């Protein structure tokens, strides 16, 4: 059983379909019901997709998802913390948290630690954090993870979150010597809708050499 966040677009969608094609049951987490329905229709099996509608920017939604899975006795063999956003403009969630920080990092930590504490993560399984080459240009700086409107820089925030995902993977490996094993991965430079909307200049210049979503998903599937 896999749990994939941000499973209805780009790399996350390719991971969900790829895992199901290899026989997994995939709990696909995303906000929009119509995209989850389309994912279920496009699943070719022999595995299957279970849609889980959840706003991955809200701690209350993520905590409720984890609680439901723990209460139901679900065993998650592979957790893919994939969802991520690069937001040029500053915004906050209904809970008052900067939106990209909540989506890219805070709720990855919350989902993973709640599932682990509840015994839902298989000891012989894997936790995969979807990082990015954007992390290479920044140090680990806790003060840079959540910015106010005055200091917000979408690219810098995204890079800081992706750098922190690598540190989280290292931290979880140290915390869980009996497993699961935590990893961070770089999918390569992939032509996703996120790149199209957030980095149009980058996409225009590099488009002919960008990877497709299936290529970006290949490491997680492996």
N, C-alpha and C. Protein backbone atom coordinates (compact mmCIF):
# COMPACT_ATOMS: atom_id res chain seq x y z
N UNK A 1 0.84 -1.19 0.00
CA UNK A 1 0.00 0.00 0.00
C UNK A 1 0.88 1.25 0.00
N UNK A 2 0.61 2.13 -0.94
CA UNK A 2 1.32 3.41 -1.04
C UNK A 2 0.37 4.54 -0.66
N UNK A 3 0.90 5.60 -0.07
CA UNK A 3 0.17 6.84 0.12
C UNK A 3 0.97 7.93 -0.59
N UNK A 4 0.34 8.61 -1.52
CA UNK A 4 1.00 9.63 -2.33
C UNK A 4 0.26 10.95 -2.17
N UNK A 5 0.96 11.99 -1.73
CA UNK A 5 0.33 13.31 -1.63
C UNK A 5 0.55 14.08 -2.93
N UNK A 6 -0.40 14.95 -3.24
CA UNK A 6 -0.31 15.67 -4.51
C UNK A 6 -0.38 14.70 -5.67
N UNK A 7 -1.34 13.76 -5.60
CA UNK A 7 -1.35 12.62 -6.51
C UNK A 7 -2.10 12.86 -7.80
N UNK A 8 -2.65 14.05 -8.01
CA UNK A 8 -3.49 14.25 -9.20
C UNK A 8 -2.81 15.04 -10.32
N UNK A 9 -1.57 15.42 -10.14
CA UNK A 9 -0.90 16.18 -11.19
C UNK A 9 0.59 15.87 -11.25
N UNK A 10 1.16 16.04 -12.42
CA UNK A 10 2.61 15.98 -12.59
C UNK A 10 3.24 14.70 -12.09
N UNK A 11 4.30 14.86 -11.32
CA UNK A 11 5.08 13.72 -10.84
C UNK A 11 4.24 12.84 -9.91
N UNK A 12 3.44 13.46 -9.04
CA UNK A 12 2.63 12.68 -8.12
C UNK A 12 1.65 11.77 -8.83
N UNK A 13 1.04 12.28 -9.89
CA UNK A 13 0.10 11.46 -10.66
C UNK A 13 0.83 10.29 -11.32
N UNK A 14 2.01 10.57 -11.86
CA UNK A 14 2.78 9.50 -12.49
C UNK A 14 3.21 8.45 -11.48
N UNK A 15 3.55 8.87 -10.26
CA UNK A 15 3.91 7.92 -9.22
C UNK A 15 2.71 7.05 -8.86
N UNK A 16 1.56 7.69 -8.66
CA UNK A 16 0.36 6.93 -8.28
C UNK A 16 0.00 5.90 -9.35
N UNK A 17 -0.02 6.31 -10.61
CA UNK A 17 -0.37 5.37 -11.68
C UNK A 17 0.70 4.31 -11.86
N UNK A 18 1.97 4.70 -11.71
CA UNK A 18 3.05 3.73 -11.86
C UNK A 18 3.04 2.68 -10.77
N UNK A 19 2.76 3.10 -9.54
CA UNK A 19 2.71 2.15 -8.44
C UNK A 19 1.52 1.20 -8.60
N UNK A 20 0.37 1.76 -9.01
CA UNK A 20 -0.81 0.91 -9.23
C UNK A 20 -0.57 -0.07 -10.37
N UNK A 21 0.13 0.37 -11.40
CA UNK A 21 0.43 -0.51 -12.53
C UNK A 21 1.34 -1.67 -12.10
N UNK A 22 2.11 -1.45 -11.04
CA UNK A 22 2.99 -2.51 -10.53
C UNK A 22 2.30 -3.36 -9.47
N UNK A 23 1.02 -3.08 -9.20
CA UNK A 23 0.25 -3.92 -8.30
C UNK A 23 -0.09 -3.34 -6.95
N UNK A 24 0.30 -2.10 -6.70
CA UNK A 24 0.06 -1.50 -5.38
C UNK A 24 -1.36 -0.98 -5.25
N UNK A 25 -1.84 -0.94 -4.02
CA UNK A 25 -3.00 -0.13 -3.67
C UNK A 25 -2.47 1.24 -3.31
N UNK A 26 -2.97 2.28 -3.99
CA UNK A 26 -2.45 3.64 -3.81
C UNK A 26 -3.53 4.52 -3.18
N UNK A 27 -3.26 5.02 -1.99
CA UNK A 27 -4.12 6.03 -1.37
C UNK A 27 -3.66 7.37 -1.93
N UNK A 28 -4.47 7.92 -2.81
CA UNK A 28 -4.10 9.12 -3.56
C UNK A 28 -4.72 10.34 -2.88
N UNK A 29 -3.88 11.25 -2.40
CA UNK A 29 -4.34 12.40 -1.63
C UNK A 29 -4.22 13.68 -2.45
N UNK A 30 -5.32 14.42 -2.53
CA UNK A 30 -5.33 15.69 -3.23
C UNK A 30 -6.60 16.44 -2.86
N UNK A 31 -6.67 17.69 -3.27
CA UNK A 31 -7.77 18.56 -2.85
C UNK A 31 -8.99 18.48 -3.77
N UNK A 32 -8.78 18.31 -5.07
CA UNK A 32 -9.88 18.44 -6.03
C UNK A 32 -10.48 17.08 -6.38
N UNK A 33 -11.79 16.95 -6.08
CA UNK A 33 -12.47 15.68 -6.26
C UNK A 33 -12.49 15.24 -7.72
N UNK A 34 -12.67 16.19 -8.65
CA UNK A 34 -12.77 15.81 -10.05
C UNK A 34 -11.45 15.25 -10.58
N UNK A 35 -10.34 15.75 -10.07
CA UNK A 35 -9.05 15.22 -10.50
C UNK A 35 -8.77 13.85 -9.88
N UNK A 36 -9.23 13.66 -8.66
CA UNK A 36 -9.12 12.33 -8.05
C UNK A 36 -9.97 11.32 -8.83
N UNK A 37 -11.17 11.73 -9.24
CA UNK A 37 -12.02 10.83 -10.03
C UNK A 37 -11.34 10.46 -11.35
N UNK A 38 -10.70 11.43 -11.98
CA UNK A 38 -10.00 11.17 -13.24
C UNK A 38 -8.83 10.21 -13.02
N UNK A 39 -8.14 10.35 -11.90
CA UNK A 39 -7.03 9.45 -11.59
C UNK A 39 -7.53 8.02 -11.43
N UNK A 40 -8.64 7.84 -10.74
CA UNK A 40 -9.21 6.51 -10.57
C UNK A 40 -9.58 5.91 -11.93
N UNK A 41 -10.17 6.73 -12.79
CA UNK A 41 -10.56 6.22 -14.12
C UNK A 41 -9.35 5.83 -14.94
N UNK A 42 -8.24 6.54 -14.78
CA UNK A 42 -7.06 6.29 -15.61
C UNK A 42 -6.19 5.16 -15.07
N UNK A 43 -6.48 4.68 -13.89
CA UNK A 43 -5.69 3.58 -13.32
C UNK A 43 -5.94 2.31 -14.12
N UNK A 44 -4.87 1.70 -14.59
CA UNK A 44 -4.97 0.50 -15.42
C UNK A 44 -4.75 -0.80 -14.63
N UNK A 45 -4.44 -0.69 -13.35
CA UNK A 45 -4.21 -1.89 -12.56
C UNK A 45 -2.90 -2.57 -12.93
N UNK A 46 -2.63 -3.74 -12.36
CA UNK A 46 -3.51 -4.59 -11.56
C UNK A 46 -3.78 -4.08 -10.14
N UNK A 47 -3.08 -3.05 -9.72
CA UNK A 47 -3.39 -2.44 -8.44
C UNK A 47 -4.57 -1.50 -8.58
N UNK A 48 -4.79 -0.67 -7.56
CA UNK A 48 -5.94 0.23 -7.61
C UNK A 48 -5.62 1.53 -6.89
N UNK A 49 -6.42 2.53 -7.18
CA UNK A 49 -6.29 3.85 -6.56
C UNK A 49 -7.48 4.08 -5.64
N UNK A 50 -7.20 4.45 -4.40
CA UNK A 50 -8.23 4.86 -3.44
C UNK A 50 -8.13 6.37 -3.30
N UNK A 51 -9.15 7.13 -3.72
CA UNK A 51 -9.06 8.58 -3.60
C UNK A 51 -9.27 9.04 -2.16
N UNK A 52 -8.48 10.02 -1.74
CA UNK A 52 -8.62 10.62 -0.41
C UNK A 52 -8.60 12.13 -0.60
N UNK A 53 -9.77 12.76 -0.53
CA UNK A 53 -9.85 14.19 -0.72
C UNK A 53 -9.42 14.90 0.56
N UNK A 54 -8.38 15.70 0.46
CA UNK A 54 -7.81 16.38 1.63
C UNK A 54 -7.09 17.63 1.17
N UNK A 55 -7.22 18.70 1.92
CA UNK A 55 -6.46 19.91 1.64
C UNK A 55 -5.13 19.79 2.35
N UNK A 56 -4.08 19.55 1.58
CA UNK A 56 -2.76 19.25 2.15
C UNK A 56 -2.05 20.49 2.66
N UNK A 57 -2.70 21.66 2.57
CA UNK A 57 -2.17 22.87 3.17
C UNK A 57 -2.69 23.09 4.58
N UNK A 58 -3.69 22.30 5.01
CA UNK A 58 -4.33 22.52 6.30
C UNK A 58 -3.95 21.41 7.29
N UNK A 59 -3.43 21.81 8.43
CA UNK A 59 -3.02 20.81 9.43
C UNK A 59 -4.22 20.01 9.93
N UNK A 60 -5.39 20.64 10.03
CA UNK A 60 -6.55 19.90 10.54
C UNK A 60 -6.97 18.80 9.57
N UNK A 61 -6.87 19.07 8.27
CA UNK A 61 -7.21 18.04 7.29
C UNK A 61 -6.20 16.90 7.30
N UNK A 62 -4.92 17.26 7.37
CA UNK A 62 -3.86 16.24 7.35
C UNK A 62 -3.90 15.40 8.61
N UNK A 63 -4.10 16.04 9.76
CA UNK A 63 -4.20 15.30 11.01
C UNK A 63 -5.39 14.35 10.99
N UNK A 64 -6.52 14.81 10.42
CA UNK A 64 -7.71 13.95 10.33
C UNK A 64 -7.46 12.76 9.42
N UNK A 65 -6.76 12.98 8.30
CA UNK A 65 -6.42 11.87 7.39
C UNK A 65 -5.58 10.83 8.13
N UNK A 66 -4.55 11.28 8.82
CA UNK A 66 -3.68 10.35 9.55
C UNK A 66 -4.48 9.58 10.60
N UNK A 67 -5.36 10.28 11.30
CA UNK A 67 -6.16 9.63 12.34
C UNK A 67 -7.08 8.57 11.75
N UNK A 68 -7.68 8.85 10.58
CA UNK A 68 -8.55 7.87 9.94
C UNK A 68 -7.78 6.62 9.55
N UNK A 69 -6.60 6.82 9.00
CA UNK A 69 -5.81 5.67 8.56
C UNK A 69 -5.34 4.83 9.75
N UNK A 70 -4.92 5.49 10.80
CA UNK A 70 -4.49 4.77 12.01
C UNK A 70 -5.67 4.03 12.62
N UNK A 71 -6.82 4.70 12.73
CA UNK A 71 -8.00 4.08 13.33
C UNK A 71 -8.47 2.87 12.54
N UNK A 72 -8.31 2.93 11.21
CA UNK A 72 -8.74 1.82 10.35
C UNK A 72 -7.73 0.68 10.32
N UNK A 73 -6.59 0.85 10.98
CA UNK A 73 -5.57 -0.19 11.01
C UNK A 73 -4.83 -0.35 9.69
N UNK A 74 -4.78 0.73 8.89
CA UNK A 74 -4.09 0.64 7.61
C UNK A 74 -2.58 0.54 7.80
N UNK A 75 -1.94 -0.24 6.95
CA UNK A 75 -0.48 -0.37 6.92
C UNK A 75 0.02 0.31 5.65
N UNK A 76 0.86 1.31 5.81
CA UNK A 76 1.41 2.04 4.68
C UNK A 76 2.84 1.56 4.46
N UNK A 77 3.07 0.94 3.31
CA UNK A 77 4.41 0.44 3.00
C UNK A 77 5.31 1.51 2.40
N UNK A 78 4.72 2.41 1.62
CA UNK A 78 5.48 3.50 0.99
C UNK A 78 4.68 4.79 1.13
N UNK A 79 5.28 5.77 1.78
CA UNK A 79 4.69 7.10 1.90
C UNK A 79 5.52 8.05 1.03
N UNK A 80 4.87 8.69 0.07
CA UNK A 80 5.57 9.65 -0.80
C UNK A 80 5.06 11.05 -0.48
N UNK A 81 5.91 11.84 0.18
CA UNK A 81 5.62 13.24 0.47
C UNK A 81 5.96 14.06 -0.78
N UNK A 82 5.02 14.10 -1.69
CA UNK A 82 5.28 14.68 -3.01
C UNK A 82 4.73 16.08 -3.19
N UNK A 83 3.61 16.40 -2.59
CA UNK A 83 2.95 17.67 -2.90
C UNK A 83 3.88 18.85 -2.62
N UNK A 84 3.87 19.82 -3.52
CA UNK A 84 4.71 21.00 -3.34
C UNK A 84 4.24 22.14 -4.22
N UNK A 85 4.43 23.35 -3.73
CA UNK A 85 4.03 24.54 -4.49
C UNK A 85 5.13 25.59 -4.41
N UNK A 86 5.26 26.35 -5.49
CA UNK A 86 6.13 27.53 -5.51
C UNK A 86 5.21 28.72 -5.76
N UNK A 87 5.07 29.57 -4.76
CA UNK A 87 4.10 30.66 -4.82
C UNK A 87 4.82 32.01 -4.85
N UNK A 88 4.81 32.69 -5.99
CA UNK A 88 5.48 34.00 -6.07
C UNK A 88 4.89 35.02 -5.10
N UNK A 89 3.58 34.96 -4.87
CA UNK A 89 2.93 35.92 -3.97
C UNK A 89 2.71 35.30 -2.60
N UNK A 90 2.84 36.11 -1.56
CA UNK A 90 2.63 35.64 -0.20
C UNK A 90 1.15 35.38 0.04
N UNK A 91 0.84 34.27 0.71
CA UNK A 91 -0.53 33.99 1.12
C UNK A 91 -0.48 33.14 2.38
N UNK A 92 -1.58 33.14 3.12
CA UNK A 92 -1.68 32.32 4.31
C UNK A 92 -2.90 31.42 4.21
N UNK A 93 -2.85 30.30 4.89
CA UNK A 93 -3.98 29.38 4.93
C UNK A 93 -5.03 29.90 5.89
N UNK A 94 -6.18 29.22 5.93
CA UNK A 94 -7.24 29.58 6.87
C UNK A 94 -6.78 29.42 8.32
N UNK A 95 -5.69 28.69 8.52
CA UNK A 95 -5.13 28.52 9.86
C UNK A 95 -4.05 29.54 10.19
N UNK A 96 -3.79 30.46 9.25
CA UNK A 96 -2.83 31.52 9.50
C UNK A 96 -1.38 31.16 9.26
N UNK A 97 -1.13 30.07 8.52
CA UNK A 97 0.23 29.63 8.22
C UNK A 97 0.56 29.99 6.78
N UNK A 98 1.78 30.43 6.51
CA UNK A 98 2.17 30.74 5.13
C UNK A 98 1.97 29.50 4.28
N UNK A 99 1.31 29.67 3.14
CA UNK A 99 0.76 28.54 2.40
C UNK A 99 1.83 27.58 1.88
N UNK A 100 2.92 28.10 1.32
CA UNK A 100 3.92 27.18 0.77
C UNK A 100 4.64 26.41 1.87
N UNK A 101 4.91 27.05 3.00
CA UNK A 101 5.52 26.35 4.13
C UNK A 101 4.61 25.24 4.64
N UNK A 102 3.31 25.54 4.77
CA UNK A 102 2.36 24.54 5.24
C UNK A 102 2.29 23.36 4.28
N UNK A 103 2.28 23.63 2.98
CA UNK A 103 2.12 22.59 1.97
C UNK A 103 3.39 21.79 1.77
N UNK A 104 4.51 22.48 1.69
CA UNK A 104 5.78 21.85 1.29
C UNK A 104 6.50 21.14 2.42
N UNK A 105 6.23 21.51 3.66
CA UNK A 105 7.07 21.00 4.74
C UNK A 105 6.29 20.66 6.00
N UNK A 106 5.56 21.64 6.55
CA UNK A 106 4.90 21.43 7.83
C UNK A 106 4.00 20.21 7.80
N UNK A 107 3.16 20.09 6.77
CA UNK A 107 2.21 18.98 6.75
C UNK A 107 2.82 17.68 6.28
N UNK A 108 3.97 17.72 5.59
CA UNK A 108 4.73 16.49 5.37
C UNK A 108 5.18 15.92 6.71
N UNK A 109 5.73 16.81 7.54
CA UNK A 109 6.19 16.38 8.87
C UNK A 109 5.02 15.85 9.69
N UNK A 110 3.90 16.57 9.68
CA UNK A 110 2.75 16.18 10.49
C UNK A 110 2.20 14.82 10.05
N UNK A 111 1.99 14.64 8.76
CA UNK A 111 1.45 13.38 8.25
C UNK A 111 2.37 12.22 8.59
N UNK A 112 3.65 12.39 8.32
CA UNK A 112 4.61 11.30 8.54
C UNK A 112 4.72 10.93 10.01
N UNK A 113 4.85 11.91 10.88
CA UNK A 113 5.04 11.61 12.29
C UNK A 113 3.76 11.07 12.93
N UNK A 114 2.59 11.53 12.49
CA UNK A 114 1.34 10.98 13.03
C UNK A 114 1.16 9.52 12.59
N UNK A 115 1.46 9.22 11.34
CA UNK A 115 1.35 7.84 10.88
C UNK A 115 2.35 6.94 11.61
N UNK A 116 3.56 7.43 11.79
CA UNK A 116 4.58 6.64 12.49
C UNK A 116 4.19 6.41 13.94
N UNK A 117 3.75 7.45 14.62
CA UNK A 117 3.37 7.32 16.02
C UNK A 117 2.18 6.38 16.19
N UNK A 118 1.30 6.35 15.20
CA UNK A 118 0.13 5.48 15.26
C UNK A 118 0.38 4.06 14.80
N UNK A 119 1.61 3.75 14.42
CA UNK A 119 1.94 2.40 13.98
C UNK A 119 1.49 2.06 12.59
N UNK A 120 1.19 3.08 11.77
CA UNK A 120 0.68 2.82 10.42
C UNK A 120 1.77 2.67 9.37
N UNK A 121 3.00 3.10 9.67
CA UNK A 121 4.09 2.97 8.69
C UNK A 121 4.80 1.64 8.90
N UNK A 122 4.87 0.84 7.85
CA UNK A 122 5.50 -0.47 7.93
C UNK A 122 6.99 -0.32 8.25
N UNK A 123 7.49 -1.13 9.16
CA UNK A 123 8.91 -1.04 9.53
C UNK A 123 9.83 -1.35 8.36
N UNK A 124 9.39 -2.22 7.46
CA UNK A 124 10.21 -2.57 6.31
C UNK A 124 9.86 -1.71 5.09
N UNK A 125 9.19 -0.59 5.32
CA UNK A 125 8.77 0.27 4.24
C UNK A 125 9.68 1.45 4.01
N UNK A 126 9.16 2.44 3.29
CA UNK A 126 9.96 3.60 2.90
C UNK A 126 9.13 4.86 2.98
N UNK A 127 9.78 5.93 3.39
CA UNK A 127 9.23 7.29 3.31
C UNK A 127 10.09 8.04 2.31
N UNK A 128 9.47 8.62 1.28
CA UNK A 128 10.21 9.30 0.21
C UNK A 128 9.79 10.76 0.18
N UNK A 129 10.73 11.65 0.44
CA UNK A 129 10.49 13.09 0.34
C UNK A 129 10.91 13.56 -1.05
N UNK A 130 9.98 14.18 -1.77
CA UNK A 130 10.26 14.69 -3.11
C UNK A 130 10.93 16.06 -2.99
N UNK A 131 12.25 16.06 -3.10
CA UNK A 131 12.98 17.32 -3.03
C UNK A 131 13.13 17.89 -4.44
N UNK A 132 14.11 18.74 -4.64
CA UNK A 132 14.28 19.43 -5.92
C UNK A 132 15.70 19.97 -6.00
N UNK A 133 16.18 20.14 -7.23
CA UNK A 133 17.47 20.78 -7.42
C UNK A 133 17.50 22.20 -6.91
N UNK A 134 16.31 22.79 -6.67
CA UNK A 134 16.27 24.12 -6.10
C UNK A 134 16.95 24.21 -4.75
N UNK A 135 17.05 23.07 -4.04
CA UNK A 135 17.64 23.10 -2.71
C UNK A 135 19.15 23.31 -2.72
N UNK A 136 19.79 23.10 -3.87
CA UNK A 136 21.25 23.16 -3.89
C UNK A 136 21.81 24.56 -3.62
N UNK A 137 21.00 25.58 -3.84
CA UNK A 137 21.51 26.94 -3.71
C UNK A 137 21.34 27.57 -2.36
N UNK A 138 20.80 26.83 -1.38
CA UNK A 138 20.54 27.45 -0.07
C UNK A 138 21.05 26.56 1.05
N UNK A 139 21.43 27.16 2.18
CA UNK A 139 21.77 26.38 3.36
C UNK A 139 20.50 26.00 4.12
N UNK A 140 20.65 25.15 5.11
CA UNK A 140 19.54 24.86 6.00
C UNK A 140 19.40 26.03 6.97
N UNK A 141 18.32 26.78 6.86
CA UNK A 141 18.10 27.99 7.64
C UNK A 141 16.66 27.98 8.16
N UNK A 142 16.50 27.66 9.43
CA UNK A 142 15.16 27.54 9.99
C UNK A 142 14.38 28.84 9.90
N UNK A 143 15.06 29.96 10.02
CA UNK A 143 14.38 31.25 9.98
C UNK A 143 13.80 31.55 8.60
N UNK A 144 14.32 30.88 7.58
CA UNK A 144 13.87 31.15 6.20
C UNK A 144 12.69 30.28 5.79
N UNK A 145 12.25 29.37 6.64
CA UNK A 145 11.24 28.40 6.23
C UNK A 145 9.85 29.02 6.11
N UNK A 146 9.52 29.93 7.02
CA UNK A 146 8.21 30.60 6.95
C UNK A 146 8.46 32.10 6.98
N UNK A 147 8.04 32.79 5.92
CA UNK A 147 8.31 34.21 5.77
C UNK A 147 7.01 35.01 5.84
N UNK A 148 7.15 36.26 6.26
CA UNK A 148 5.97 37.13 6.27
C UNK A 148 5.83 37.80 4.91
N UNK A 149 4.77 38.59 4.75
CA UNK A 149 4.49 39.20 3.45
C UNK A 149 5.62 40.12 3.01
N UNK A 150 6.25 40.79 3.94
CA UNK A 150 7.29 41.75 3.59
C UNK A 150 8.55 41.07 3.07
N UNK A 151 8.89 39.94 3.64
CA UNK A 151 10.15 39.28 3.27
C UNK A 151 9.96 38.11 2.31
N UNK A 152 8.72 37.87 1.89
CA UNK A 152 8.45 36.67 1.09
C UNK A 152 9.16 36.72 -0.26
N UNK A 153 9.80 35.61 -0.59
CA UNK A 153 10.41 35.37 -1.89
C UNK A 153 10.07 33.94 -2.25
N UNK A 154 9.18 33.75 -3.21
CA UNK A 154 8.66 32.42 -3.51
C UNK A 154 9.73 31.41 -3.86
N UNK A 155 10.69 31.82 -4.68
CA UNK A 155 11.74 30.90 -5.08
C UNK A 155 12.63 30.52 -3.90
N UNK A 156 13.00 31.52 -3.09
CA UNK A 156 13.85 31.25 -1.93
C UNK A 156 13.14 30.38 -0.92
N UNK A 157 11.84 30.63 -0.72
CA UNK A 157 11.07 29.82 0.21
C UNK A 157 11.00 28.36 -0.26
N UNK A 158 10.72 28.18 -1.54
CA UNK A 158 10.65 26.83 -2.10
C UNK A 158 11.98 26.10 -1.93
N UNK A 159 13.07 26.78 -2.22
CA UNK A 159 14.39 26.18 -2.07
C UNK A 159 14.66 25.79 -0.63
N UNK A 160 14.29 26.67 0.31
CA UNK A 160 14.51 26.39 1.73
C UNK A 160 13.70 25.17 2.17
N UNK A 161 12.48 25.06 1.69
CA UNK A 161 11.65 23.91 2.05
C UNK A 161 12.24 22.61 1.50
N UNK A 162 12.71 22.66 0.27
CA UNK A 162 13.28 21.45 -0.34
C UNK A 162 14.58 21.05 0.34
N UNK A 163 15.35 22.04 0.78
CA UNK A 163 16.57 21.74 1.55
C UNK A 163 16.20 21.08 2.88
N UNK A 164 15.14 21.59 3.51
CA UNK A 164 14.71 21.05 4.79
C UNK A 164 14.18 19.63 4.66
N UNK A 165 13.58 19.30 3.51
CA UNK A 165 13.10 17.93 3.30
C UNK A 165 14.25 16.92 3.37
N UNK A 166 15.40 17.31 2.87
CA UNK A 166 16.57 16.42 2.93
C UNK A 166 17.00 16.23 4.38
N UNK A 167 16.99 17.33 5.14
CA UNK A 167 17.36 17.24 6.55
C UNK A 167 16.35 16.39 7.32
N UNK A 168 15.06 16.51 6.97
CA UNK A 168 14.04 15.69 7.63
C UNK A 168 14.27 14.21 7.36
N UNK A 169 14.61 13.86 6.13
CA UNK A 169 14.87 12.45 5.81
C UNK A 169 16.03 11.92 6.65
N UNK A 170 17.06 12.71 6.79
CA UNK A 170 18.22 12.30 7.60
C UNK A 170 17.80 12.15 9.07
N UNK A 171 17.00 13.10 9.55
CA UNK A 171 16.53 13.06 10.94
C UNK A 171 15.69 11.81 11.19
N UNK A 172 14.77 11.50 10.29
CA UNK A 172 13.92 10.32 10.48
C UNK A 172 14.71 9.03 10.44
N UNK A 173 15.73 8.97 9.60
CA UNK A 173 16.57 7.75 9.58
C UNK A 173 17.24 7.54 10.94
N UNK A 174 17.68 8.64 11.55
CA UNK A 174 18.31 8.54 12.87
C UNK A 174 17.29 8.18 13.95
N UNK A 175 16.06 8.71 13.81
CA UNK A 175 15.03 8.48 14.81
C UNK A 175 14.45 7.07 14.73
N UNK A 176 14.49 6.46 13.55
CA UNK A 176 13.82 5.18 13.34
C UNK A 176 14.84 4.11 12.89
N UNK A 177 15.75 3.70 13.76
CA UNK A 177 16.76 2.72 13.32
C UNK A 177 16.16 1.38 12.91
N UNK A 178 14.94 1.07 13.39
CA UNK A 178 14.29 -0.18 13.02
C UNK A 178 13.41 -0.04 11.77
N UNK A 179 13.39 1.17 11.17
CA UNK A 179 12.57 1.41 9.98
C UNK A 179 11.28 2.11 10.33
N UNK A 180 10.58 2.62 9.33
CA UNK A 180 10.91 2.58 7.89
C UNK A 180 12.14 3.43 7.57
N UNK A 181 12.67 3.25 6.37
CA UNK A 181 13.82 4.02 5.92
C UNK A 181 13.32 5.26 5.18
N UNK A 182 13.86 6.41 5.54
CA UNK A 182 13.46 7.67 4.91
C UNK A 182 14.49 8.08 3.86
N UNK A 183 14.00 8.57 2.75
CA UNK A 183 14.83 9.01 1.64
C UNK A 183 14.40 10.39 1.18
N UNK A 184 15.33 11.12 0.56
CA UNK A 184 14.98 12.30 -0.23
C UNK A 184 15.45 12.05 -1.65
N UNK A 185 14.67 12.49 -2.62
CA UNK A 185 15.03 12.27 -4.02
C UNK A 185 14.87 13.54 -4.83
N UNK A 186 15.66 13.66 -5.89
CA UNK A 186 15.58 14.75 -6.86
C UNK A 186 15.05 14.14 -8.16
N UNK A 187 13.88 14.60 -8.64
CA UNK A 187 13.28 13.97 -9.82
C UNK A 187 13.90 14.39 -11.14
N UNK A 188 14.92 15.25 -11.09
CA UNK A 188 15.41 15.86 -12.33
C UNK A 188 14.55 17.07 -12.65
N UNK A 189 14.87 17.74 -13.73
CA UNK A 189 14.10 18.92 -14.12
C UNK A 189 12.94 18.48 -15.00
N UNK A 190 11.73 18.60 -14.46
CA UNK A 190 10.55 17.98 -15.06
C UNK A 190 9.58 19.06 -15.54
N UNK A 191 8.99 18.83 -16.69
CA UNK A 191 8.05 19.77 -17.29
C UNK A 191 6.65 19.54 -16.70
N UNK A 192 6.39 20.15 -15.54
CA UNK A 192 5.11 20.00 -14.86
C UNK A 192 4.30 21.29 -14.98
N UNK A 193 3.04 21.21 -14.58
CA UNK A 193 2.20 22.41 -14.56
C UNK A 193 2.75 23.44 -13.58
N UNK A 194 3.35 22.96 -12.49
CA UNK A 194 3.95 23.87 -11.53
C UNK A 194 5.11 24.67 -12.13
N UNK A 195 5.95 24.00 -12.90
CA UNK A 195 7.04 24.70 -13.58
C UNK A 195 6.47 25.66 -14.61
N UNK A 196 5.44 25.23 -15.31
CA UNK A 196 4.83 26.07 -16.34
C UNK A 196 4.28 27.37 -15.75
N UNK A 197 3.64 27.29 -14.59
CA UNK A 197 3.01 28.48 -14.02
C UNK A 197 3.97 29.32 -13.19
N UNK A 198 4.91 28.67 -12.47
CA UNK A 198 5.78 29.40 -11.55
C UNK A 198 7.09 29.84 -12.18
N UNK A 199 7.56 29.10 -13.18
CA UNK A 199 8.88 29.38 -13.78
C UNK A 199 8.78 29.41 -15.31
N UNK A 200 7.97 30.30 -15.86
CA UNK A 200 7.77 30.29 -17.31
C UNK A 200 9.05 30.58 -18.10
N UNK A 201 9.90 31.47 -17.59
CA UNK A 201 11.14 31.76 -18.29
C UNK A 201 12.08 30.57 -18.31
N UNK A 202 12.23 29.92 -17.16
CA UNK A 202 13.05 28.71 -17.06
C UNK A 202 12.53 27.64 -18.02
N UNK A 203 11.20 27.45 -18.03
CA UNK A 203 10.61 26.43 -18.89
C UNK A 203 10.84 26.73 -20.36
N UNK A 204 10.68 27.99 -20.75
CA UNK A 204 10.86 28.35 -22.15
C UNK A 204 12.28 28.08 -22.61
N UNK A 205 13.25 28.35 -21.74
CA UNK A 205 14.66 28.20 -22.12
C UNK A 205 15.08 26.73 -22.17
N UNK A 206 14.58 25.93 -21.20
CA UNK A 206 15.06 24.55 -21.06
C UNK A 206 14.06 23.50 -21.55
N UNK A 207 12.94 23.92 -22.14
CA UNK A 207 11.85 22.99 -22.37
C UNK A 207 12.26 21.74 -23.14
N UNK A 208 13.12 21.88 -24.12
CA UNK A 208 13.43 20.72 -24.96
C UNK A 208 14.25 19.66 -24.22
N UNK A 209 14.83 20.01 -23.07
CA UNK A 209 15.61 19.02 -22.32
C UNK A 209 14.94 18.63 -21.00
N UNK A 210 13.77 19.17 -20.72
CA UNK A 210 13.08 18.81 -19.48
C UNK A 210 12.55 17.38 -19.57
N UNK A 211 12.54 16.71 -18.43
CA UNK A 211 11.99 15.36 -18.36
C UNK A 211 10.47 15.42 -18.31
N UNK A 212 9.80 14.32 -18.68
CA UNK A 212 8.36 14.26 -18.52
C UNK A 212 8.04 13.70 -17.13
N UNK A 213 6.74 13.69 -16.78
CA UNK A 213 6.34 13.30 -15.43
C UNK A 213 6.71 11.87 -15.11
N UNK A 214 6.57 10.98 -16.07
CA UNK A 214 6.92 9.56 -15.84
C UNK A 214 8.41 9.41 -15.56
N UNK A 215 9.24 10.16 -16.26
CA UNK A 215 10.67 10.11 -15.99
C UNK A 215 10.99 10.68 -14.61
N UNK A 216 10.25 11.73 -14.22
CA UNK A 216 10.45 12.28 -12.88
C UNK A 216 10.03 11.34 -11.77
N UNK A 217 9.09 10.45 -12.08
CA UNK A 217 8.59 9.51 -11.08
C UNK A 217 9.45 8.26 -10.97
N UNK A 218 10.38 8.04 -11.90
CA UNK A 218 11.00 6.73 -11.99
C UNK A 218 11.80 6.33 -10.76
N UNK A 219 12.44 7.29 -10.09
CA UNK A 219 13.22 6.95 -8.91
C UNK A 219 12.33 6.49 -7.76
N UNK A 220 11.20 7.18 -7.55
CA UNK A 220 10.28 6.76 -6.49
C UNK A 220 9.72 5.37 -6.77
N UNK A 221 9.38 5.09 -8.02
CA UNK A 221 8.88 3.78 -8.39
C UNK A 221 9.95 2.72 -8.16
N UNK A 222 11.17 3.03 -8.54
CA UNK A 222 12.28 2.09 -8.32
C UNK A 222 12.46 1.78 -6.86
